[in-house]
PDB file of N, CA and C in Angstrom:
ATOM      1  N   MET A   1       2.184  -8.656   2.896  1.00  0.00           N
ATOM      2  CA  MET A   1       1.742  -8.590   1.531  1.00  0.00           C
ATOM      3  C   MET A   1       2.117  -9.866   0.792  1.00  0.00           C
ATOM      4  N   ILE A   2       3.279 -10.397   1.078  1.00  0.00           N
ATOM      5  CA  ILE A   2       3.689 -11.649   0.438  1.00  0.00           C
ATOM      6  C   ILE A   2       2.683 -12.740   0.752  1.00  0.00           C
ATOM      7  N   ASP A   3       2.211 -12.759   1.988  1.00  0.00           N
ATOM      8  CA  ASP A   3       1.226 -13.760   2.405  1.00  0.00           C
ATOM      9  C   ASP A   3      -0.065 -13.623   1.600  1.00  0.00           C
ATOM     10  N   LEU A   4      -0.512 -12.391   1.394  1.00  0.00           N
ATOM     11  CA  LEU A   4      -1.741 -12.168   0.625  1.00  0.00           C
ATOM     12  C   LEU A   4      -1.590 -12.630  -0.819  1.00  0.00           C
ATOM     13  N   VAL A   5      -0.441 -12.375  -1.406  1.00  0.00           N
ATOM     14  CA  VAL A   5      -0.190 -12.818  -2.782  1.00  0.00           C
ATOM     15  C   VAL A   5      -0.196 -14.335  -2.851  1.00  0.00           C
ATOM     16  N   GLN A   6       0.476 -14.973  -1.900  1.00  0.00           N
ATOM     17  CA  GLN A   6       0.544 -16.436  -1.889  1.00  0.00           C
ATOM     18  C   GLN A   6      -0.826 -17.067  -1.690  1.00  0.00           C
ATOM     19  N   LYS A   7      -1.706 -16.383  -0.967  1.00  0.00           N
ATOM     20  CA  LYS A   7      -3.050 -16.913  -0.714  1.00  0.00           C
ATOM     21  C   LYS A   7      -4.039 -16.565  -1.819  1.00  0.00           C
ATOM     22  N   GLY A   8      -3.582 -15.831  -2.844  1.00  0.00           N
ATOM     23  CA  GLY A   8      -4.458 -15.497  -3.963  1.00  0.00           C
ATOM     24  C   GLY A   8      -5.424 -14.367  -3.682  1.00  0.00           C
ATOM     25  N   PHE A   9      -5.102 -13.511  -2.724  1.00  0.00           N
ATOM     26  CA  PHE A   9      -5.979 -12.394  -2.365  1.00  0.00           C
ATOM     27  C   PHE A   9      -6.179 -11.437  -3.535  1.00  0.00           C
ATOM     28  N   PHE A  10      -5.121 -11.206  -4.293  1.00  0.00           N
ATOM     29  CA  PHE A  10      -5.185 -10.303  -5.438  1.00  0.00           C
ATOM     30  C   PHE A  10      -5.432 -11.117  -6.703  1.00  0.00           C
ATOM     31  N   PRO A  11      -6.460 -10.765  -7.477  1.00  0.00           N
ATOM     32  CA  PRO A  11      -6.725 -11.504  -8.709  1.00  0.00           C
ATOM     33  C   PRO A  11      -5.533 -11.428  -9.664  1.00  0.00           C
ATOM     34  N   GLU A  12      -5.312 -12.488 -10.398  1.00  0.00           N
ATOM     35  CA  GLU A  12      -4.211 -12.522 -11.359  1.00  0.00           C
ATOM     36  C   GLU A  12      -4.370 -11.398 -12.368  1.00  0.00           C
ATOM     37  N   GLY A  13      -3.297 -10.698 -12.631  1.00  0.00           N
ATOM     38  CA  GLY A  13      -3.319  -9.593 -13.575  1.00  0.00           C
ATOM     39  C   GLY A  13      -3.682  -8.255 -12.954  1.00  0.00           C
ATOM     40  N   SER A  14      -4.034  -8.245 -11.664  1.00  0.00           N
ATOM     41  CA  SER A  14      -4.390  -6.980 -11.029  1.00  0.00           C
ATOM     42  C   SER A  14      -3.141  -6.154 -10.743  1.00  0.00           C
ATOM     43  N   ARG A  15      -3.336  -4.864 -10.631  1.00  0.00           N
ATOM     44  CA  ARG A  15      -2.231  -3.956 -10.321  1.00  0.00           C
ATOM     45  C   ARG A  15      -2.298  -3.617  -8.841  1.00  0.00           C
ATOM     46  N   VAL A  16      -1.180  -3.776  -8.179  1.00  0.00           N
ATOM     47  CA  VAL A  16      -1.115  -3.537  -6.742  1.00  0.00           C
ATOM     48  C   VAL A  16      -0.006  -2.529  -6.476  1.00  0.00           C
ATOM     49  N   LEU A  17      -0.328  -1.484  -5.736  1.00  0.00           N
ATOM     50  CA  LEU A  17       0.668  -0.487  -5.358  1.00  0.00           C
ATOM     51  C   LEU A  17       1.093  -0.751  -3.925  1.00  0.00           C
ATOM     52  N   TYR A  18       2.377  -0.964  -3.738  1.00  0.00           N
ATOM     53  CA  TYR A  18       2.935  -1.143  -2.401  1.00  0.00           C
ATOM     54  C   TYR A  18       3.740   0.103  -2.079  1.00  0.00           C
ATOM     55  N   ALA A  19       3.238   0.900  -1.166  1.00  0.00           N
ATOM     56  CA  ALA A  19       3.929   2.136  -0.791  1.00  0.00           C
ATOM     57  C   ALA A  19       4.498   1.976   0.608  1.00  0.00           C
ATOM     58  N   HIS A  20       5.791   1.784   0.705  1.00  0.00           N
ATOM     59  CA  HIS A  20       6.452   1.675   2.006  1.00  0.00           C
ATOM     60  C   HIS A  20       6.882   3.074   2.405  1.00  0.00           C
ATOM     61  N   LEU A  21       6.201   3.635   3.382  1.00  0.00           N
ATOM     62  CA  LEU A  21       6.438   5.018   3.768  1.00  0.00           C
ATOM     63  C   LEU A  21       7.315   5.147   5.004  1.00  0.00           C
ATOM     64  N   GLY A  22       7.867   4.053   5.481  1.00  0.00           N
ATOM     65  CA  GLY A  22       8.782   4.143   6.601  1.00  0.00           C
ATOM     66  C   GLY A  22       8.122   4.053   7.962  1.00  0.00           C
ATOM     67  N   GLY A  23       6.867   3.704   8.022  1.00  0.00           N
ATOM     68  CA  GLY A  23       6.216   3.559   9.315  1.00  0.00           C
ATOM     69  C   GLY A  23       5.253   4.692   9.621  1.00  0.00           C
ATOM     70  N   GLY A  24       4.613   4.582  10.761  1.00  0.00           N
ATOM     71  CA  GLY A  24       3.593   5.539  11.183  1.00  0.00           C
ATOM     72  C   GLY A  24       4.030   6.991  11.178  1.00  0.00           C
ATOM     73  N   PRO A  25       5.154   7.339  11.794  1.00  0.00           N
ATOM     74  CA  PRO A  25       5.558   8.751  11.829  1.00  0.00           C
ATOM     75  C   PRO A  25       5.786   9.354  10.447  1.00  0.00           C
ATOM     76  N   ALA A  26       6.208   8.556   9.499  1.00  0.00           N
ATOM     77  CA  ALA A  26       6.487   9.072   8.159  1.00  0.00           C
ATOM     78  C   ALA A  26       5.214   9.406   7.395  1.00  0.00           C
ATOM     79  N   ILE A  27       4.085   8.817   7.776  1.00  0.00           N
ATOM     80  CA  ILE A  27       2.828   9.077   7.062  1.00  0.00           C
ATOM     81  C   ILE A  27       2.460  10.554   7.150  1.00  0.00           C
ATOM     82  N   ASN A  28       2.748  11.186   8.291  1.00  0.00           N
ATOM     83  CA  ASN A  28       2.423  12.602   8.451  1.00  0.00           C
ATOM     84  C   ASN A  28       3.147  13.468   7.430  1.00  0.00           C
ATOM     85  N   GLY A  29       4.317  13.070   7.017  1.00  0.00           N
ATOM     86  CA  GLY A  29       5.063  13.827   6.026  1.00  0.00           C
ATOM     87  C   GLY A  29       4.460  13.764   4.637  1.00  0.00           C
ATOM     88  N   TYR A  30       3.575  12.795   4.406  1.00  0.00           N
ATOM     89  CA  TYR A  30       2.945  12.620   3.098  1.00  0.00           C
ATOM     90  C   TYR A  30       1.439  12.824   3.159  1.00  0.00           C
ATOM     91  N   SER A  31       0.945  13.485   4.197  1.00  0.00           N
ATOM     92  CA  SER A  31      -0.503  13.629   4.373  1.00  0.00           C
ATOM     93  C   SER A  31      -1.164  14.335   3.192  1.00  0.00           C
ATOM     94  N   TYR A  32      -0.453  15.263   2.555  1.00  0.00           N
ATOM     95  CA  TYR A  32      -1.018  15.970   1.407  1.00  0.00           C
ATOM     96  C   TYR A  32      -1.346  15.018   0.260  1.00  0.00           C
ATOM     97  N   THR A  33      -0.634  13.898   0.178  1.00  0.00           N
ATOM     98  CA  THR A  33      -0.864  12.929  -0.885  1.00  0.00           C
ATOM     99  C   THR A  33      -2.207  12.235  -0.708  1.00  0.00           C
ATOM    100  N   PHE A  34      -2.609  12.007   0.537  1.00  0.00           N
ATOM    101  CA  PHE A  34      -3.810  11.239   0.830  1.00  0.00           C
ATOM    102  C   PHE A  34      -4.995  12.116   1.217  1.00  0.00           C
ATOM    103  N   ARG A  35      -4.843  13.408   1.193  1.00  0.00           N
ATOM    104  CA  ARG A  35      -5.871  14.321   1.674  1.00  0.00           C
ATOM    105  C   ARG A  35      -7.197  14.151   0.941  1.00  0.00           C
ATOM    106  N   ASN A  36      -7.165  14.029  -0.369  1.00  0.00           N
ATOM    107  CA  ASN A  36      -8.395  13.962  -1.161  1.00  0.00           C
ATOM    108  C   ASN A  36      -8.712  12.556  -1.640  1.00  0.00           C
ATOM    109  N   GLY A  37      -8.176  11.569  -0.960  1.00  0.00           N
ATOM    110  CA  GLY A  37      -8.462  10.182  -1.300  1.00  0.00           C
ATOM    111  C   GLY A  37      -7.677   9.741  -2.459  1.00  0.00           C
TER     112      GLY A  37
END
């Protein structure tokens, strides 16, 4: 993500959510959060 910011991938002033969920196995514990997009 740092690389994307440095390369200007995100427009200035945009809001970016970085959700560190602890890796692949942890995503299953939060599946209800992403169920409906």
